[in-house]
Amino acid sequence: MSRQGGATLLVVLVMLVVMTLLGIASIRMSSTSLLIVGNMQARRFVENQAQLAVEQVLSSIDPFNNPTSVPVIAAPAGLTVTVGNRACVHSSPAAGYSAVAPISPEDNTWEFDVNVTDSFTGAKARMVQGTRIRQLSGSCS
């Protein structure tokens, strides 16, 4: 009878060790999953802020009439948002206008980039945006 009691104790101890190892492994996996989700949220946040900055630049013609000016972008605390100089990459006469008119509009293709950095999480996002704008002749220089 005492031999059976000893065998049961040994089996129970082995099962307890296995269950403890499974518990520790599941805790590690859940904490790793939390870190991954937190990093994804930080990355999405800075991507959304970069998209917002692109929309703020595109909402006005002023950044394209003065491409070396620095547009003021509202950003939450802890974020650094920088907008690069706007560069005119292509210009063509606008369709439907006379080529002999003294001031004929042109379809200008502009490109600029937006960089966002979160100082708290270290997340970064960079977006390059292109747009076509109809402007007066000579605006693309």
C-alpha atoms as a PDB file:
ATOM      1  CA  MET A   1       0.000   0.000   0.000  1.00  0.00           C
ATOM      2  CA  SER A   2       2.835   2.386   0.747  1.00  0.00           C
ATOM      3  CA  ARG A   3       4.336   1.774  -2.703  1.00  0.00           C
ATOM      4  CA  GLN A   4       1.174   2.958  -4.387  1.00  0.00           C
ATOM      5  CA  GLY A   5       1.111   6.133  -2.261  1.00  0.00           C
ATOM      6  CA  GLY A   6       4.667   6.957  -3.285  1.00  0.00           C
ATOM      7  CA  ALA A   7       3.922   6.419  -6.965  1.00  0.00           C
ATOM      8  CA  THR A   8       0.880   8.682  -6.748  1.00  0.00           C
ATOM      9  CA  LEU A   9       2.932  11.400  -5.094  1.00  0.00           C
ATOM     10  CA  LEU A  10       5.544  11.177  -7.854  1.00  0.00           C
ATOM     11  CA  VAL A  11       2.907  11.374 -10.599  1.00  0.00           C
ATOM     12  CA  VAL A  12       1.238  14.339  -8.898  1.00  0.00           C
ATOM     13  CA  LEU A  13       4.573  16.189  -8.568  1.00  0.00           C
ATOM     14  CA  VAL A  14       5.394  15.629 -12.253  1.00  0.00           C
ATOM     15  CA  MET A  15       1.916  16.859 -13.256  1.00  0.00           C
ATOM     16  CA  LEU A  16       2.347  19.920 -11.016  1.00  0.00           C
ATOM     17  CA  VAL A  17       5.689  20.772 -12.660  1.00  0.00           C
ATOM     18  CA  VAL A  18       4.160  20.370 -16.144  1.00  0.00           C
ATOM     19  CA  MET A  19       1.184  22.577 -15.248  1.00  0.00           C
ATOM     20  CA  THR A  20       3.511  25.222 -13.781  1.00  0.00           C
ATOM     21  CA  LEU A  21       5.605  25.263 -16.962  1.00  0.00           C
ATOM     22  CA  LEU A  22       2.459  25.582 -19.102  1.00  0.00           C
ATOM     23  CA  GLY A  23       1.256  28.469 -16.918  1.00  0.00           C
ATOM     24  CA  ILE A  24       4.568  30.311 -17.195  1.00  0.00           C
ATOM     25  CA  ALA A  25       4.632  29.793 -20.976  1.00  0.00           C
ATOM     26  CA  SER A  26       1.104  31.149 -21.365  1.00  0.00           C
ATOM     27  CA  ILE A  27       1.932  34.225 -19.248  1.00  0.00           C
ATOM     28  CA  ARG A  28       5.006  34.917 -21.406  1.00  0.00           C
ATOM     29  CA  MET A  29       3.000  34.511 -24.608  1.00  0.00           C
ATOM     30  CA  SER A  30       0.294  36.893 -23.404  1.00  0.00           C
ATOM     31  CA  SER A  31       2.812  39.552 -22.348  1.00  0.00           C
ATOM     32  CA  THR A  32       4.569  39.245 -25.717  1.00  0.00           C
ATOM     33  CA  SER A  33       1.217  39.587 -27.474  1.00  0.00           C
ATOM     34  CA  LEU A  34       0.502  42.727 -25.442  1.00  0.00           C
ATOM     35  CA  LEU A  35       3.819  44.247 -26.533  1.00  0.00           C
ATOM     36  CA  ILE A  36       3.082  43.453 -30.181  1.00  0.00           C
ATOM     37  CA  VAL A  37      -0.385  45.000 -29.985  1.00  0.00           C
ATOM     38  CA  GLY A  38       1.015  48.094 -28.247  1.00  0.00           C
ATOM     39  CA  ASN A  39       3.634  48.541 -30.968  1.00  0.00           C
ATOM     40  CA  MET A  40       1.004  48.144 -33.674  1.00  0.00           C
ATOM     41  CA  GLN A  41      -1.192  50.769 -32.004  1.00  0.00           C
ATOM     42  CA  ALA A  42       1.709  53.228 -31.755  1.00  0.00           C
ATOM     43  CA  ARG A  43       2.562  52.666 -35.413  1.00  0.00           C
ATOM     44  CA  ARG A  44      -1.054  53.162 -36.519  1.00  0.00           C
ATOM     45  CA  PHE A  45      -1.251  56.325 -34.437  1.00  0.00           C
ATOM     46  CA  VAL A  46       1.773  57.944 -36.106  1.00  0.00           C
ATOM     47  CA  GLU A  47       0.546  56.786 -39.544  1.00  0.00           C
ATOM     48  CA  ASN A  48      -2.806  58.463 -38.865  1.00  0.00           C
ATOM     49  CA  GLN A  49      -1.034  61.651 -37.762  1.00  0.00           C
ATOM     50  CA  ALA A  50       1.058  61.589 -40.947  1.00  0.00           C
ATOM     51  CA  GLN A  51      -2.106  61.233 -43.042  1.00  0.00           C
ATOM     52  CA  LEU A  52      -3.670  64.120 -41.118  1.00  0.00           C
ATOM     53  CA  ALA A  53      -0.607  66.284 -41.846  1.00  0.00           C
ATOM     54  CA  VAL A  54      -0.846  65.401 -45.559  1.00  0.00           C
ATOM     55  CA  GLU A  55      -4.510  66.456 -45.549  1.00  0.00           C
ATOM     56  CA  GLN A  56      -3.651  69.723 -43.791  1.00  0.00           C
ATOM     57  CA  VAL A  57      -1.029  70.546 -46.427  1.00  0.00           C
ATOM     58  CA  LEU A  58      -3.379  69.638 -49.283  1.00  0.00           C
ATOM     59  CA  SER A  59      -6.231  71.718 -47.854  1.00  0.00           C
ATOM     60  CA  SER A  60      -4.540  74.996 -48.823  1.00  0.00           C
ATOM     61  CA  ILE A  61      -2.838  76.315 -51.966  1.00  0.00           C
ATOM     62  CA  ASP A  62      -0.383  78.413 -49.923  1.00  0.00           C
ATOM     63  CA  PRO A  63       2.188  75.602 -49.394  1.00  0.00           C
ATOM     64  CA  PHE A  64       2.372  75.165 -53.172  1.00  0.00           C
ATOM     65  CA  ASN A  65       2.597  78.865 -54.006  1.00  0.00           C
ATOM     66  CA  ASN A  66       5.543  79.115 -51.585  1.00  0.00           C
ATOM     67  CA  PRO A  67       7.092  75.614 -51.635  1.00  0.00           C
ATOM     68  CA  THR A  68      10.024  76.389 -49.310  1.00  0.00           C
ATOM     69  CA  SER A  69       7.839  77.690 -46.474  1.00  0.00           C
ATOM     70  CA  VAL A  70       7.303  75.485 -43.446  1.00  0.00           C
ATOM     71  CA  PRO A  71       3.600  74.765 -42.944  1.00  0.00           C
ATOM     72  CA  VAL A  72       2.349  74.800 -39.361  1.00  0.00           C
ATOM     73  CA  ILE A  73       0.911  71.380 -38.523  1.00  0.00           C
ATOM     74  CA  ALA A  74      -1.021  70.865 -35.293  1.00  0.00           C
ATOM     75  CA  ALA A  75       0.170  67.694 -33.536  1.00  0.00           C
ATOM     76  CA  PRO A  76      -0.502  66.079 -30.170  1.00  0.00           C
ATOM     77  CA  ALA A  77       2.088  66.389 -27.413  1.00  0.00           C
ATOM     78  CA  GLY A  78       5.060  64.087 -27.849  1.00  0.00           C
ATOM     79  CA  LEU A  79       4.834  63.939 -31.643  1.00  0.00           C
ATOM     80  CA  THR A  80       7.219  65.635 -34.035  1.00  0.00           C
ATOM     81  CA  VAL A  81       5.698  66.319 -37.450  1.00  0.00           C
ATOM     82  CA  THR A  82       7.887  67.660 -40.261  1.00  0.00           C
ATOM     83  CA  VAL A  83       6.766  68.467 -43.779  1.00  0.00           C
ATOM     84  CA  GLY A  84       9.456  68.526 -46.450  1.00  0.00           C
ATOM     85  CA  ASN A  85       9.695  71.142 -49.165  1.00  0.00           C
ATOM     86  CA  ARG A  86       7.161  70.745 -51.908  1.00  0.00           C
ATOM     87  CA  ALA A  87       8.804  69.918 -55.238  1.00  0.00           C
ATOM     88  CA  CYS A  88       7.174  70.450 -58.615  1.00  0.00           C
ATOM     89  CA  VAL A  89       8.074  67.332 -60.601  1.00  0.00           C
ATOM     90  CA  HIS A  90       6.095  67.952 -63.791  1.00  0.00           C
ATOM     91  CA  SER A  91       4.220  70.754 -65.506  1.00  0.00           C
ATOM     92  CA  SER A  92       2.046  70.712 -68.612  1.00  0.00           C
ATOM     93  CA  PRO A  93      -0.295  73.254 -70.222  1.00  0.00           C
ATOM     94  CA  ALA A  94      -3.876  72.862 -69.036  1.00  0.00           C
ATOM     95  CA  ALA A  95      -6.230  71.420 -71.653  1.00  0.00           C
ATOM     96  CA  GLY A  96      -8.880  73.685 -73.139  1.00  0.00           C
ATOM     97  CA  TYR A  97      -6.967  76.981 -72.945  1.00  0.00           C
ATOM     98  CA  SER A  98      -5.378  78.975 -75.712  1.00  0.00           C
ATOM     99  CA  ALA A  99      -1.605  78.660 -75.907  1.00  0.00           C
ATOM    100  CA  VAL A 100      -1.341  82.337 -76.915  1.00  0.00           C
ATOM    101  CA  ALA A 101      -3.081  83.661 -73.824  1.00  0.00           C
ATOM    102  CA  PRO A 102      -0.685  85.754 -71.719  1.00  0.00           C
ATOM    103  CA  ILE A 103      -1.639  83.945 -68.529  1.00  0.00           C
ATOM    104  CA  SER A 104      -2.623  80.375 -69.266  1.00  0.00           C
ATOM    105  CA  PRO A 105      -2.983  77.838 -66.464  1.00  0.00           C
ATOM    106  CA  GLU A 106      -0.767  74.789 -66.121  1.00  0.00           C
ATOM    107  CA  ASP A 107      -1.386  71.405 -64.542  1.00  0.00           C
ATOM    108  CA  ASN A 108       1.484  71.012 -62.076  1.00  0.00           C
ATOM    109  CA  THR A 109       2.386  67.766 -60.347  1.00  0.00           C
ATOM    110  CA  TRP A 110       3.815  68.322 -56.869  1.00  0.00           C
ATOM    111  CA  GLU A 111       5.453  65.927 -54.436  1.00  0.00           C
ATOM    112  CA  PHE A 112       6.249  66.299 -50.740  1.00  0.00           C
ATOM    113  CA  ASP A 113       6.950  64.081 -47.757  1.00  0.00           C
ATOM    114  CA  VAL A 114       5.740  64.046 -44.160  1.00  0.00           C
ATOM    115  CA  ASN A 115       7.711  62.509 -41.277  1.00  0.00           C
ATOM    116  CA  VAL A 116       6.151  61.818 -37.877  1.00  0.00           C
ATOM    117  CA  THR A 117       8.060  60.615 -34.793  1.00  0.00           C
ATOM    118  CA  ASP A 118       6.593  59.694 -31.421  1.00  0.00           C
ATOM    119  CA  SER A 119       9.132  60.549 -28.730  1.00  0.00           C
ATOM    120  CA  PHE A 120       7.447  58.298 -26.150  1.00  0.00           C
ATOM    121  CA  THR A 121       7.247  55.011 -28.086  1.00  0.00           C
ATOM    122  CA  GLY A 122       9.860  55.689 -30.773  1.00  0.00           C
ATOM    123  CA  ALA A 123       7.347  54.901 -33.533  1.00  0.00           C
ATOM    124  CA  LYS A 124       8.030  56.601 -36.869  1.00  0.00           C
ATOM    125  CA  ALA A 125       6.090  57.063 -40.084  1.00  0.00           C
ATOM    126  CA  ARG A 126       7.038  58.615 -43.421  1.00  0.00           C
ATOM    127  CA  MET A 127       4.572  59.364 -46.194  1.00  0.00           C
ATOM    128  CA  VAL A 128       5.300  60.682 -49.661  1.00  0.00           C
ATOM    129  CA  GLN A 129       2.350  62.376 -51.332  1.00  0.00           C
ATOM    130  CA  GLY A 130       1.872  63.556 -54.886  1.00  0.00           C
ATOM    131  CA  THR A 131      -0.848  65.846 -56.152  1.00  0.00           C
ATOM    132  CA  ARG A 132      -1.809  67.629 -59.352  1.00  0.00           C
ATOM    133  CA  ILE A 133      -2.866  71.266 -59.044  1.00  0.00           C
ATOM    134  CA  ARG A 134      -3.984  73.681 -61.723  1.00  0.00           C
ATOM    135  CA  GLN A 135      -2.039  76.904 -61.227  1.00  0.00           C
ATOM    136  CA  LEU A 136      -1.090  80.001 -63.130  1.00  0.00           C
ATOM    137  CA  SER A 137       1.703  79.715 -65.647  1.00  0.00           C
ATOM    138  CA  GLY A 138       5.157  79.844 -64.081  1.00  0.00           C
ATOM    139  CA  SER A 139       4.097  78.470 -60.684  1.00  0.00           C
ATOM    140  CA  CYS A 140       6.194  75.342 -61.168  1.00  0.00           C
ATOM    141  CA  SER A 141       9.771  76.482 -60.801  1.00  0.00           C
END
